[in-house]
N, C-alpha and C. Protein backbone atom coordinates (compact mmCIF):
# COMPACT_ATOMS: atom_id res chain seq x y z
N GLU A 1 -43.95 304.61 176.10
CA GLU A 1 -44.93 305.51 176.38
C GLU A 1 -44.17 306.57 174.97
N ARG A 2 -45.06 307.59 174.54
CA ARG A 2 -44.59 308.23 173.45
C ARG A 2 -45.38 309.79 173.94
N LEU A 3 -45.15 310.59 174.25
CA LEU A 3 -45.69 311.93 174.73
C LEU A 3 -44.94 312.89 174.12
N THR A 4 -46.13 313.84 172.77
CA THR A 4 -45.44 314.90 171.96
C THR A 4 -46.47 315.50 171.87
N THR A 5 -46.07 317.37 172.00
CA THR A 5 -47.02 318.21 171.60
C THR A 5 -46.36 318.96 170.74
N ARG A 6 -46.67 319.37 169.57
CA ARG A 6 -46.20 320.06 168.81
C ARG A 6 -47.34 321.59 168.26
N HIS A 7 -46.73 322.58 167.87
CA HIS A 7 -47.82 323.78 167.78
C HIS A 7 -47.03 325.20 166.95
N GLU A 8 -47.63 325.38 166.32
CA GLU A 8 -47.12 326.54 164.99
C GLU A 8 -47.89 327.84 165.02
N PHE A 9 -47.31 328.81 164.99
CA PHE A 9 -47.84 329.98 165.15
C PHE A 9 -47.18 330.64 163.83
N ASP A 10 -48.35 331.27 163.08
CA ASP A 10 -48.62 331.86 161.83
C ASP A 10 -48.62 333.39 161.82
N VAL A 11 -48.15 334.44 160.97
CA VAL A 11 -48.46 335.65 160.79
C VAL A 11 -48.50 335.95 159.55
N PRO A 12 -49.84 335.55 158.66
CA PRO A 12 -50.11 335.90 157.14
C PRO A 12 -50.18 337.29 157.12
N PHE A 13 -49.49 337.83 155.84
CA PHE A 13 -49.99 339.18 155.60
C PHE A 13 -49.84 339.40 153.93
N GLN A 14 -50.34 340.55 153.16
CA GLN A 14 -50.52 340.31 151.77
C GLN A 14 -49.40 341.33 151.59
N LEU A 15 -48.38 341.15 150.65
CA LEU A 15 -47.27 341.96 150.33
C LEU A 15 -47.32 342.18 148.75
N GLY A 16 -48.29 342.99 148.03
CA GLY A 16 -48.55 343.24 146.71
C GLY A 16 -49.61 341.96 146.68
N ALA A 17 -49.31 341.37 145.48
CA ALA A 17 -49.89 339.93 144.82
C ALA A 17 -49.40 338.77 145.59
N VAL A 18 -48.70 338.99 146.84
CA VAL A 18 -47.64 337.88 147.24
C VAL A 18 -48.26 337.71 148.73
N LYS A 19 -48.52 336.26 149.04
CA LYS A 19 -49.20 336.10 150.28
C LYS A 19 -47.89 335.53 150.92
N VAL A 20 -47.51 336.12 152.16
CA VAL A 20 -46.51 335.90 152.87
C VAL A 20 -46.65 335.28 154.42
N VAL A 21 -46.31 334.61 154.32
CA VAL A 21 -46.46 334.00 155.79
C VAL A 21 -45.13 333.43 157.00
N PRO A 22 -44.69 334.37 157.65
CA PRO A 22 -43.87 333.87 158.58
C PRO A 22 -44.31 332.90 159.13
N PHE A 23 -43.27 331.78 160.20
CA PHE A 23 -43.87 331.05 160.78
C PHE A 23 -42.92 330.49 161.97
N ALA A 24 -43.43 329.79 162.98
CA ALA A 24 -42.37 329.04 164.09
C ALA A 24 -43.10 328.16 164.48
N LEU A 25 -42.72 326.83 164.39
CA LEU A 25 -43.31 325.55 164.61
C LEU A 25 -41.93 325.11 166.23
N GLY A 26 -43.12 324.40 167.00
CA GLY A 26 -42.04 324.05 168.12
C GLY A 26 -42.69 322.31 168.51
N GLU A 27 -41.86 321.94 169.20
CA GLU A 27 -42.11 320.79 169.45
C GLU A 27 -41.47 320.19 171.16
N LEU A 28 -42.44 319.30 172.17
CA LEU A 28 -41.47 318.83 172.76
C LEU A 28 -41.98 317.61 172.93
N GLY A 29 -41.24 316.52 173.17
CA GLY A 29 -41.44 315.22 173.14
C GLY A 29 -40.92 313.70 173.78
N HIS A 30 -41.40 313.14 174.14
CA HIS A 30 -40.80 312.08 175.16
C HIS A 30 -41.18 310.74 174.88
N TRP A 31 -40.13 309.76 174.48
CA TRP A 31 -40.36 308.48 174.17
C TRP A 31 -39.76 307.32 175.33
N GLY A 32 -40.39 306.73 175.57
CA GLY A 32 -39.79 305.60 176.74
C GLY A 32 -38.67 304.73 176.46
N GLU A 33 -38.80 304.71 175.08
CA GLU A 33 -37.50 303.92 174.57
C GLU A 33 -36.98 303.99 173.07
N ASP A 34 -35.54 304.40 173.08
CA ASP A 34 -35.17 304.87 172.02
C ASP A 34 -34.36 303.60 171.15
N LEU A 35 -33.52 303.61 170.33
CA LEU A 35 -33.14 302.15 169.86
C LEU A 35 -31.91 301.61 170.55
N GLU A 36 -31.75 302.21 171.92
CA GLU A 36 -30.71 301.62 172.70
C GLU A 36 -31.81 301.11 174.05
N GLY A 37 -32.75 301.31 174.10
CA GLY A 37 -33.98 300.95 174.97
C GLY A 37 -33.76 302.19 176.18
N ASP A 38 -33.43 303.30 176.19
CA ASP A 38 -33.00 304.36 177.05
C ASP A 38 -34.27 305.35 176.95
N ASP A 39 -34.80 306.10 177.80
CA ASP A 39 -35.60 307.32 177.85
C ASP A 39 -35.05 308.27 176.69
N TYR A 40 -35.80 308.82 176.02
CA TYR A 40 -35.58 309.91 174.96
C TYR A 40 -36.32 311.06 175.03
N SER A 41 -35.91 312.31 175.48
CA SER A 41 -36.40 313.29 175.22
C SER A 41 -35.88 314.70 174.09
N ARG A 42 -37.01 315.12 173.68
CA ARG A 42 -36.50 315.86 172.24
C ARG A 42 -37.18 317.42 172.49
N ALA A 43 -36.39 318.26 172.31
CA ALA A 43 -37.06 319.64 171.88
C ALA A 43 -36.57 320.15 170.71
N TYR A 44 -37.55 320.72 169.84
CA TYR A 44 -37.61 321.02 168.28
C TYR A 44 -38.27 321.83 168.04
N VAL A 45 -37.35 322.80 167.28
CA VAL A 45 -38.08 324.02 166.87
C VAL A 45 -37.65 324.40 165.27
N ASN A 46 -38.67 325.01 164.57
CA ASN A 46 -38.50 325.12 163.29
C ASN A 46 -39.04 326.82 162.74
N THR A 47 -38.15 327.45 162.25
CA THR A 47 -39.20 328.94 162.09
C THR A 47 -38.86 329.00 160.25
N GLY A 48 -39.31 330.24 159.73
CA GLY A 48 -39.31 330.17 158.42
C GLY A 48 -40.28 331.20 157.64
N VAL A 49 -40.14 331.19 156.31
CA VAL A 49 -41.15 332.15 155.77
C VAL A 49 -41.94 331.10 154.37
N ARG A 50 -42.93 331.42 154.26
CA ARG A 50 -43.58 330.78 153.17
C ARG A 50 -44.33 332.15 152.27
N ALA A 51 -44.13 331.99 150.94
CA ALA A 51 -44.39 332.84 150.01
C ALA A 51 -45.34 332.02 149.00
N SER A 52 -46.40 332.55 148.40
CA SER A 52 -47.18 332.06 147.35
C SER A 52 -47.61 333.20 146.25
N LEU A 53 -47.41 333.02 145.05
CA LEU A 53 -47.96 334.12 144.10
C LEU A 53 -48.72 333.52 142.98
N PRO A 54 -50.26 333.42 143.30
CA PRO A 54 -51.13 333.20 142.15
C PRO A 54 -51.45 333.98 140.89
N MET A 55 -51.62 333.30 139.70
CA MET A 55 -51.77 334.21 138.31
C MET A 55 -52.43 333.35 137.38
N TRP A 56 -53.24 334.14 136.29
CA TRP A 56 -54.18 333.53 135.92
C TRP A 56 -54.59 334.03 134.88
N ALA A 57 -54.73 333.36 133.66
CA ALA A 57 -55.35 333.93 132.16
C ALA A 57 -56.53 333.19 131.72
N VAL A 58 -57.10 333.86 131.03
CA VAL A 58 -58.43 333.15 130.39
C VAL A 58 -58.59 332.95 129.00
N TYR A 59 -58.74 331.95 128.08
CA TYR A 59 -58.39 331.97 126.49
C TYR A 59 -60.19 331.61 126.24
N PRO A 60 -61.22 332.44 126.35
CA PRO A 60 -62.15 331.79 125.84
C PRO A 60 -62.34 331.38 124.31
N ASN A 61 -61.63 331.94 123.52
CA ASN A 61 -61.88 331.52 122.35
C ASN A 61 -61.13 330.31 121.46
N VAL A 62 -60.23 329.40 122.60
CA VAL A 62 -59.49 328.27 122.64
C VAL A 62 -60.77 327.12 122.42
N ARG A 63 -61.07 326.66 121.19
CA ARG A 63 -61.80 325.60 120.67
C ARG A 63 -61.37 324.54 119.95
N ASP A 64 -60.93 323.15 120.34
CA ASP A 64 -60.94 322.02 119.61
C ASP A 64 -61.56 320.86 120.11
N PRO A 65 -62.35 320.33 118.94
CA PRO A 65 -62.98 319.07 119.16
C PRO A 65 -62.18 317.90 119.17
N LEU A 66 -60.93 317.97 118.81
CA LEU A 66 -60.11 316.51 118.64
C LEU A 66 -59.66 316.72 120.18
N PHE A 67 -59.18 317.77 120.81
CA PHE A 67 -58.48 317.91 122.31
C PHE A 67 -59.67 318.07 123.24
N ASN A 68 -60.82 318.07 122.90
CA ASN A 68 -61.94 318.33 124.25
C ASN A 68 -62.07 319.82 124.79
N LEU A 69 -61.64 320.64 123.90
CA LEU A 69 -61.39 322.05 124.16
C LEU A 69 -62.68 322.88 124.33
N ASN A 70 -63.20 323.46 125.08
CA ASN A 70 -64.21 324.30 124.93
C ASN A 70 -63.82 325.52 125.99
N GLY A 71 -62.84 326.47 125.36
CA GLY A 71 -62.34 327.45 125.90
C GLY A 71 -61.32 326.92 127.00
N LEU A 72 -60.43 327.61 127.69
CA LEU A 72 -59.21 327.38 127.95
C LEU A 72 -58.81 328.60 129.35
N ALA A 73 -58.47 328.17 130.59
CA ALA A 73 -58.15 328.94 131.60
C ALA A 73 -56.83 328.32 132.19
N HIS A 74 -55.48 329.42 132.30
CA HIS A 74 -54.47 328.84 132.68
C HIS A 74 -54.17 329.30 134.31
N LYS A 75 -54.18 328.81 135.25
CA LYS A 75 -53.90 328.86 136.37
C LYS A 75 -52.70 328.61 136.90
N VAL A 76 -51.95 329.38 137.63
CA VAL A 76 -50.59 329.03 138.46
C VAL A 76 -50.61 329.67 139.53
N VAL A 77 -49.79 328.62 140.42
CA VAL A 77 -49.28 329.33 141.54
C VAL A 77 -47.80 329.01 141.95
N PHE A 78 -47.09 330.24 142.18
CA PHE A 78 -46.03 330.31 142.47
C PHE A 78 -45.39 329.99 143.97
N ASP A 79 -44.84 328.93 144.58
CA ASP A 79 -44.77 329.08 145.95
C ASP A 79 -43.28 328.92 146.34
N ALA A 80 -42.96 329.37 147.27
CA ALA A 80 -41.50 329.30 147.85
C ALA A 80 -41.44 329.22 149.59
N GLU A 81 -40.75 328.21 150.46
CA GLU A 81 -40.53 328.21 151.82
C GLU A 81 -39.15 328.00 152.27
N PHE A 82 -38.60 328.92 153.09
CA PHE A 82 -37.41 328.81 153.59
C PHE A 82 -37.66 328.14 155.05
N SER A 83 -36.58 327.42 155.63
CA SER A 83 -37.08 326.59 156.92
C SER A 83 -35.79 326.79 157.35
N TYR A 84 -35.77 326.97 159.07
CA TYR A 84 -34.46 326.45 159.79
C TYR A 84 -34.92 325.67 160.75
N ALA A 85 -34.37 324.50 160.74
CA ALA A 85 -34.94 323.65 162.09
C ALA A 85 -33.68 323.04 162.94
N ASP A 86 -34.00 323.01 163.76
CA ASP A 86 -32.95 322.62 165.04
C ASP A 86 -33.65 322.00 166.07
N ALA A 87 -32.86 320.50 166.38
CA ALA A 87 -33.25 319.80 167.38
C ALA A 87 -31.86 319.61 168.25
N ASN A 88 -32.32 318.92 169.57
CA ASN A 88 -31.27 318.75 170.85
C ASN A 88 -31.05 317.59 170.83
N GLU A 89 -31.66 316.49 169.67
CA GLU A 89 -31.19 314.92 169.77
C GLU A 89 -31.85 314.61 168.10
N ASN A 90 -30.79 313.74 167.51
CA ASN A 90 -30.78 312.92 166.24
C ASN A 90 -31.78 312.12 166.30
N PHE A 91 -32.79 312.57 165.37
CA PHE A 91 -34.01 311.63 165.18
C PHE A 91 -33.58 309.82 164.37
N ASP A 92 -32.53 309.81 164.26
CA ASP A 92 -31.98 308.19 163.81
C ASP A 92 -31.75 307.48 165.21
N GLU A 93 -31.90 308.27 166.34
CA GLU A 93 -31.47 307.32 167.44
C GLU A 93 -32.91 306.94 167.87
N LEU A 94 -34.01 307.02 167.17
CA LEU A 94 -35.40 306.63 167.78
C LEU A 94 -36.08 305.57 166.60
N PRO A 95 -36.70 304.28 167.10
CA PRO A 95 -37.17 303.56 165.81
C PRO A 95 -38.33 304.14 165.31
N LEU A 96 -38.86 304.09 164.06
CA LEU A 96 -39.87 304.17 163.22
C LEU A 96 -41.01 303.74 163.81
N TYR A 97 -41.73 304.40 164.80
CA TYR A 97 -43.07 303.46 165.56
C TYR A 97 -43.87 303.48 164.45
N ASP A 98 -43.99 304.82 163.57
CA ASP A 98 -45.23 304.97 162.34
C ASP A 98 -44.52 304.96 161.32
N PRO A 99 -44.68 303.78 160.35
CA PRO A 99 -44.03 303.41 159.07
C PRO A 99 -44.54 304.49 158.12
N LEU A 100 -43.62 304.59 157.26
CA LEU A 100 -43.93 305.76 156.46
C LEU A 100 -44.46 305.02 155.23
N ASP A 101 -44.07 303.76 154.46
CA ASP A 101 -44.06 303.33 153.65
C ASP A 101 -44.99 302.04 153.72
N ASP A 102 -46.09 301.64 152.87
CA ASP A 102 -46.48 300.13 153.34
C ASP A 102 -45.47 299.03 152.54
N THR A 103 -45.85 297.77 153.07
CA THR A 103 -45.24 296.82 152.84
C THR A 103 -44.59 296.61 151.64
N SER A 104 -45.30 296.66 150.50
CA SER A 104 -44.83 296.58 148.83
C SER A 104 -44.18 297.60 148.63
N ILE A 105 -43.85 298.71 149.11
CA ILE A 105 -43.06 299.50 148.36
C ILE A 105 -41.39 299.30 149.16
N VAL A 106 -41.91 299.08 150.58
CA VAL A 106 -40.49 298.83 151.30
C VAL A 106 -39.92 298.08 150.55
N GLU A 107 -40.64 296.57 150.12
CA GLU A 107 -39.85 295.37 149.58
C GLU A 107 -39.30 295.80 147.82
N MET A 108 -40.08 297.06 147.37
CA MET A 108 -39.47 297.04 145.89
C MET A 108 -38.40 297.92 146.11
N ARG A 109 -38.32 299.01 147.37
CA ARG A 109 -36.83 299.87 147.49
C ARG A 109 -35.83 298.89 147.82
N ARG A 110 -36.11 297.97 148.77
CA ARG A 110 -34.82 296.78 149.06
C ARG A 110 -34.48 296.18 147.62
N ARG A 111 -35.16 295.99 147.15
CA ARG A 111 -34.83 294.94 145.86
C ARG A 111 -34.23 295.89 144.58
N LEU A 112 -34.35 297.05 144.74
CA LEU A 112 -34.00 298.17 143.86
C LEU A 112 -32.35 298.54 144.66
N ALA A 113 -32.48 298.85 145.65
CA ALA A 113 -31.05 299.35 146.08
C ALA A 113 -29.83 298.27 146.23
N SER A 114 -30.62 296.68 146.47
CA SER A 114 -29.37 296.00 146.58
C SER A 114 -29.71 294.85 145.94
N GLY A 115 -28.86 294.02 145.31
CA GLY A 115 -29.35 292.39 144.87
C GLY A 115 -28.84 291.65 145.56
N ALA A 116 -28.40 291.77 146.95
CA ALA A 116 -28.50 290.82 147.80
C ALA A 116 -29.59 290.03 148.36
N LEU A 117 -29.40 289.03 148.71
CA LEU A 117 -30.62 287.80 149.20
C LEU A 117 -30.39 287.56 150.91
N PRO A 118 -30.73 288.24 151.89
CA PRO A 118 -31.97 288.90 151.65
C PRO A 118 -31.71 290.31 151.29
N PRO A 119 -32.91 290.90 150.59
CA PRO A 119 -32.40 292.65 150.15
C PRO A 119 -32.28 293.26 151.35
N THR A 120 -31.33 294.42 151.42
CA THR A 120 -30.85 295.36 152.41
C THR A 120 -30.83 296.18 151.86
N ILE A 121 -31.16 297.44 152.58
CA ILE A 121 -30.72 299.03 152.32
C ILE A 121 -29.35 299.14 152.75
N LEU A 122 -28.41 299.62 151.81
CA LEU A 122 -26.87 299.87 152.42
C LEU A 122 -26.72 301.41 152.07
N ASP A 123 -27.30 302.01 151.10
CA ASP A 123 -27.29 303.42 150.89
C ASP A 123 -28.49 304.28 151.58
N PRO A 124 -27.84 305.43 152.31
CA PRO A 124 -28.71 305.98 153.15
C PRO A 124 -29.64 306.69 152.43
N LYS A 125 -29.38 307.17 150.94
CA LYS A 125 -30.08 307.86 150.30
C LYS A 125 -31.66 307.37 149.80
N PHE A 126 -31.34 306.10 150.07
CA PHE A 126 -32.78 305.22 149.67
C PHE A 126 -33.57 304.94 151.50
N ASP A 127 -33.08 305.67 152.23
CA ASP A 127 -33.62 305.73 153.57
C ASP A 127 -34.85 306.42 153.53
N SER A 128 -36.23 305.91 153.65
CA SER A 128 -37.38 306.51 153.80
C SER A 128 -37.58 307.51 154.72
N ARG A 129 -37.03 307.73 156.07
CA ARG A 129 -36.53 308.41 157.04
C ARG A 129 -36.07 309.54 156.48
N ARG A 130 -34.92 309.53 155.82
CA ARG A 130 -34.26 310.99 155.43
C ARG A 130 -34.87 311.43 154.25
N TYR A 131 -35.45 310.68 153.43
CA TYR A 131 -36.19 311.39 152.31
C TYR A 131 -37.58 312.10 153.03
N ALA A 132 -38.03 311.63 153.71
CA ALA A 132 -39.31 312.27 154.61
C ALA A 132 -38.70 313.64 155.14
N LEU A 133 -37.45 313.54 155.84
CA LEU A 133 -37.07 314.70 156.59
C LEU A 133 -36.49 316.03 155.60
N ARG A 134 -35.61 315.13 154.40
CA ARG A 134 -35.60 316.45 153.50
C ARG A 134 -36.47 316.89 152.60
N SER A 135 -37.62 316.35 152.60
CA SER A 135 -38.89 316.62 152.10
C SER A 135 -39.95 317.29 152.64
N GLY A 136 -39.23 317.73 154.28
CA GLY A 136 -39.78 318.53 154.73
C GLY A 136 -40.98 318.40 155.68
N MET A 137 -41.38 316.84 155.83
CA MET A 137 -42.34 316.25 156.50
C MET A 137 -42.41 316.78 158.23
N GLN A 138 -41.34 317.19 158.45
CA GLN A 138 -40.85 317.88 160.09
C GLN A 138 -41.81 319.55 160.05
N ASN A 139 -42.19 319.85 158.97
CA ASN A 139 -42.55 321.22 158.90
C ASN A 139 -44.33 321.01 159.57
N TRP A 140 -44.77 319.93 159.13
CA TRP A 140 -46.21 319.71 159.33
C TRP A 140 -46.59 319.77 160.55
N VAL A 141 -47.34 320.48 161.33
CA VAL A 141 -48.19 319.86 162.67
C VAL A 141 -48.50 319.05 162.66
N THR A 142 -49.55 318.43 161.82
CA THR A 142 -49.65 316.96 161.49
C THR A 142 -49.19 315.91 160.61
N ALA A 143 -47.83 315.57 161.00
CA ALA A 143 -47.32 315.10 160.41
C ALA A 143 -47.37 313.57 160.84
N PRO A 144 -47.28 312.51 159.77
CA PRO A 144 -48.04 311.26 160.22
C PRO A 144 -46.85 310.28 161.05
N SER A 145 -45.69 310.95 161.23
CA SER A 145 -44.40 310.43 162.01
C SER A 145 -43.97 311.64 162.83
N ALA A 146 -44.16 311.43 164.19
CA ALA A 146 -43.53 312.35 165.06
C ALA A 146 -41.77 312.10 165.23
N GLU A 147 -41.87 311.12 165.19
CA GLU A 147 -40.33 310.53 165.17
C GLU A 147 -39.32 311.59 164.05
N ILE A 148 -40.06 311.75 162.68
CA ILE A 148 -38.91 312.62 161.73
C ILE A 148 -38.96 313.87 162.13
N ALA A 149 -37.88 314.33 162.61
CA ALA A 149 -37.60 315.69 163.29
C ALA A 149 -35.92 315.88 163.44
N ASP A 150 -35.40 316.54 162.74
CA ASP A 150 -34.10 316.69 163.23
C ASP A 150 -33.67 318.56 162.33
N ASP A 151 -31.91 318.77 162.67
CA ASP A 151 -31.77 319.75 162.31
C ASP A 151 -31.85 319.86 160.33
N LEU A 152 -32.20 321.07 160.20
CA LEU A 152 -32.29 320.96 158.33
C LEU A 152 -32.62 322.55 158.01
N MET A 153 -31.85 322.55 157.12
CA MET A 153 -31.94 324.33 156.37
C MET A 153 -32.27 324.39 154.81
N ALA A 154 -33.60 324.30 154.27
CA ALA A 154 -33.74 324.25 153.00
C ALA A 154 -34.86 325.51 152.72
N LEU A 155 -34.35 325.81 151.17
CA LEU A 155 -35.04 326.38 150.73
C LEU A 155 -36.13 325.85 149.29
N ARG A 156 -37.20 325.63 149.70
CA ARG A 156 -38.17 324.63 148.47
C ARG A 156 -38.90 325.83 147.54
N LEU A 157 -38.82 325.24 146.18
CA LEU A 157 -39.29 325.96 145.29
C LEU A 157 -40.42 325.06 144.41
N GLY A 158 -41.37 325.76 143.95
CA GLY A 158 -42.40 324.95 143.39
C GLY A 158 -43.62 325.46 142.70
N MET A 159 -44.18 325.07 141.38
CA MET A 159 -44.74 325.81 140.79
C MET A 159 -46.18 324.80 140.14
N ARG A 160 -47.33 325.17 140.38
CA ARG A 160 -48.65 324.29 140.21
C ARG A 160 -49.42 324.89 139.28
N HIS A 161 -49.60 324.47 138.13
CA HIS A 161 -50.03 324.78 136.76
C HIS A 161 -51.47 324.12 136.62
N ARG A 162 -52.61 324.73 136.18
CA ARG A 162 -53.80 323.91 135.88
C ARG A 162 -54.53 324.62 134.55
N TRP A 163 -54.55 324.07 133.55
CA TRP A 163 -55.27 324.27 132.47
C TRP A 163 -56.72 323.80 132.47
N GLN A 164 -57.43 324.74 132.58
CA GLN A 164 -59.08 324.13 132.84
C GLN A 164 -59.91 324.28 131.44
N THR A 165 -60.73 323.63 131.23
CA THR A 165 -61.66 323.81 130.29
C THR A 165 -63.30 323.42 130.58
N LYS A 166 -64.12 323.67 129.67
CA LYS A 166 -65.37 323.30 130.17
C LYS A 166 -66.10 322.19 129.52
N ARG A 167 -66.59 321.19 129.95
CA ARG A 167 -67.39 319.91 129.46
C ARG A 167 -68.46 320.15 129.83
N GLY A 168 -69.62 319.39 128.93
CA GLY A 168 -70.58 319.02 129.30
C GLY A 168 -71.76 319.13 128.09
N VAL A 169 -73.13 319.15 128.51
CA VAL A 169 -73.84 319.64 127.49
C VAL A 169 -74.28 320.96 127.64
N ALA A 170 -74.97 321.51 126.72
CA ALA A 170 -75.17 323.05 126.49
C ALA A 170 -76.05 323.25 127.70
N GLY A 171 -75.49 324.56 128.73
CA GLY A 171 -76.59 324.97 129.68
C GLY A 171 -76.19 324.03 130.89
N ASN A 172 -75.19 322.94 131.21
CA ASN A 172 -75.22 322.33 132.26
C ASN A 172 -73.65 321.69 132.05
N GLN A 173 -72.41 322.38 131.56
CA GLN A 173 -71.12 322.36 131.86
C GLN A 173 -70.54 322.60 133.38
N HIS A 174 -69.65 322.02 133.06
CA HIS A 174 -68.98 321.92 134.46
C HIS A 174 -67.28 322.23 133.82
N ILE A 175 -66.49 323.04 135.11
CA ILE A 175 -65.12 323.12 134.90
C ILE A 175 -64.53 321.58 135.08
N VAL A 176 -63.49 321.27 134.38
CA VAL A 176 -62.81 320.42 134.71
C VAL A 176 -61.05 320.63 134.22
N ASP A 177 -60.14 320.16 135.12
CA ASP A 177 -58.82 320.03 134.76
C ASP A 177 -58.46 319.20 133.56
N TRP A 178 -57.89 319.95 132.57
CA TRP A 178 -57.54 319.45 131.03
C TRP A 178 -56.16 318.82 131.32
N LEU A 179 -55.46 319.75 131.90
CA LEU A 179 -53.60 319.50 131.85
C LEU A 179 -53.38 320.11 133.36
N THR A 180 -52.31 319.35 133.69
CA THR A 180 -51.96 319.73 135.28
C THR A 180 -50.61 319.49 135.39
N LEU A 181 -49.55 320.35 135.85
CA LEU A 181 -48.02 319.92 135.82
C LEU A 181 -47.62 320.68 137.24
N ASP A 182 -47.07 319.90 137.87
CA ASP A 182 -46.48 320.47 139.11
C ASP A 182 -44.65 320.14 139.20
N MET A 183 -44.08 321.25 139.67
CA MET A 183 -42.90 321.06 139.48
C MET A 183 -42.04 321.66 140.66
N ASN A 184 -41.26 320.67 141.62
CA ASN A 184 -40.85 320.98 142.69
C ASN A 184 -39.09 321.02 142.87
N ALA A 185 -38.33 321.74 143.38
CA ALA A 185 -37.17 321.55 143.79
C ALA A 185 -36.78 322.15 145.17
N SER A 186 -35.61 321.81 145.61
CA SER A 186 -35.31 322.19 146.99
C SER A 186 -33.44 322.77 146.82
N LEU A 187 -33.16 323.59 147.46
CA LEU A 187 -31.53 324.20 147.59
C LEU A 187 -31.51 323.96 149.56
N PHE A 188 -30.26 323.42 149.63
CA PHE A 188 -29.59 323.18 150.81
C PHE A 188 -28.51 323.86 151.14
N PRO A 189 -28.45 324.96 152.03
CA PRO A 189 -27.49 325.64 151.98
C PRO A 189 -26.04 324.88 152.77
N ASP A 190 -26.42 323.88 153.59
CA ASP A 190 -25.59 323.04 154.21
C ASP A 190 -25.61 321.72 153.54
N PRO A 191 -25.15 321.47 151.96
CA PRO A 191 -25.60 320.14 151.63
C PRO A 191 -24.91 319.20 152.18
N ASN A 192 -23.50 319.48 153.11
CA ASN A 192 -23.25 318.20 153.46
C ASN A 192 -23.72 317.68 154.40
N ARG A 193 -24.31 318.33 155.39
CA ARG A 193 -25.18 317.85 156.63
C ARG A 193 -26.48 317.31 156.02
N ASP A 194 -27.02 318.11 155.09
CA ASP A 194 -28.58 317.90 154.55
C ASP A 194 -29.02 317.11 153.42
N ASN A 195 -28.14 317.24 152.54
CA ASN A 195 -28.30 316.27 151.32
C ASN A 195 -27.28 315.71 150.73
N PHE A 196 -26.41 314.71 151.25
CA PHE A 196 -25.45 314.13 150.98
C PHE A 196 -24.11 314.99 150.15
N GLY A 197 -24.06 316.09 150.19
CA GLY A 197 -22.78 317.00 149.33
C GLY A 197 -23.60 317.66 148.10
N GLN A 198 -24.87 317.51 147.79
CA GLN A 198 -25.41 318.13 146.70
C GLN A 198 -26.05 319.37 146.96
N GLU A 199 -25.87 320.61 146.60
CA GLU A 199 -26.77 321.88 147.05
C GLU A 199 -27.79 321.91 146.42
N VAL A 200 -28.32 321.24 145.42
CA VAL A 200 -30.17 321.15 144.46
C VAL A 200 -30.18 319.57 144.62
N GLY A 201 -31.48 319.55 145.11
CA GLY A 201 -32.02 318.17 145.14
C GLY A 201 -33.46 318.24 145.37
N LEU A 202 -33.98 316.80 145.01
CA LEU A 202 -35.71 316.45 145.31
C LEU A 202 -36.21 317.21 144.17
N ILE A 203 -35.79 317.32 143.21
CA ILE A 203 -36.48 317.55 142.11
C ILE A 203 -37.56 316.77 141.28
N ASP A 204 -38.40 317.29 141.09
CA ASP A 204 -39.77 316.31 140.60
C ASP A 204 -40.68 317.01 139.90
N TYR A 205 -41.74 316.28 139.09
CA TYR A 205 -42.78 316.51 138.45
C TYR A 205 -43.62 316.03 138.67
N ASP A 206 -45.01 316.38 138.34
CA ASP A 206 -46.17 315.67 138.03
C ASP A 206 -47.06 316.12 136.93
N LEU A 207 -47.31 315.43 135.58
CA LEU A 207 -47.64 315.80 134.34
C LEU A 207 -48.97 314.74 133.92
N ARG A 208 -50.11 315.61 134.20
CA ARG A 208 -51.27 314.68 133.68
C ARG A 208 -52.09 315.46 132.97
N TRP A 209 -52.89 314.31 131.71
CA TRP A 209 -53.28 314.84 130.87
C TRP A 209 -54.52 313.85 130.85
N HIS A 210 -55.45 315.31 131.17
CA HIS A 210 -56.94 314.38 131.21
C HIS A 210 -57.56 314.61 130.12
N LEU A 211 -57.78 313.31 129.09
CA LEU A 211 -57.72 313.92 127.73
C LEU A 211 -59.38 313.54 127.55
N GLY A 212 -60.44 313.06 128.26
CA GLY A 212 -61.80 313.13 128.49
C GLY A 212 -62.14 312.93 129.86
N ASP A 213 -63.44 312.97 130.23
CA ASP A 213 -63.88 312.57 131.94
C ASP A 213 -63.72 311.27 132.26
N ARG A 214 -63.60 309.91 131.23
CA ARG A 214 -63.18 308.87 131.71
C ARG A 214 -62.18 308.33 131.24
N PHE A 215 -60.91 309.22 130.95
CA PHE A 215 -59.72 308.54 130.38
C PHE A 215 -58.53 309.72 130.82
């Protein structure tokens, strides 16, 4: 059996232009079998604060037929989250009852991580469970895997940019994303425990240029 209940309480308020959301999340769970075949019960708590600051600017005179621009609006949201989590049991004592990746991704990761046959994962940095933990999956009430929850302290920073324009025939134009850029990074105050000795990690970006409605 696997029985879990997870709840979150938020207290959002506005601090000038910044939206601030202190939160507290708690979970009680019981599993009929851990990796040793024994009963496993866990209490887990996660507290912290989230903040976001939206900004925007409009440039109606930006027009360029080559880049398919008919006006330009830049919208950006800066966000931050600090969280402190504590669990009375380690998550790696449980099987991963809910797979995080499909078979093709698991096989590709194994081949990249090791040249041995059959391929095996030797470095814990390539363990999808630890990546999900460091990425903050345990902060979600609706996390797709109940097993991912453990001690962790992290400060996550991000920004989401949207450059939008209008397209379509005159009188029937619609707003579309012309260029998007998302960037994120995490800071770990206890790097030896939480991020393999590195204070900064999980730096990523996603850049998309929509040249036209079909490309």
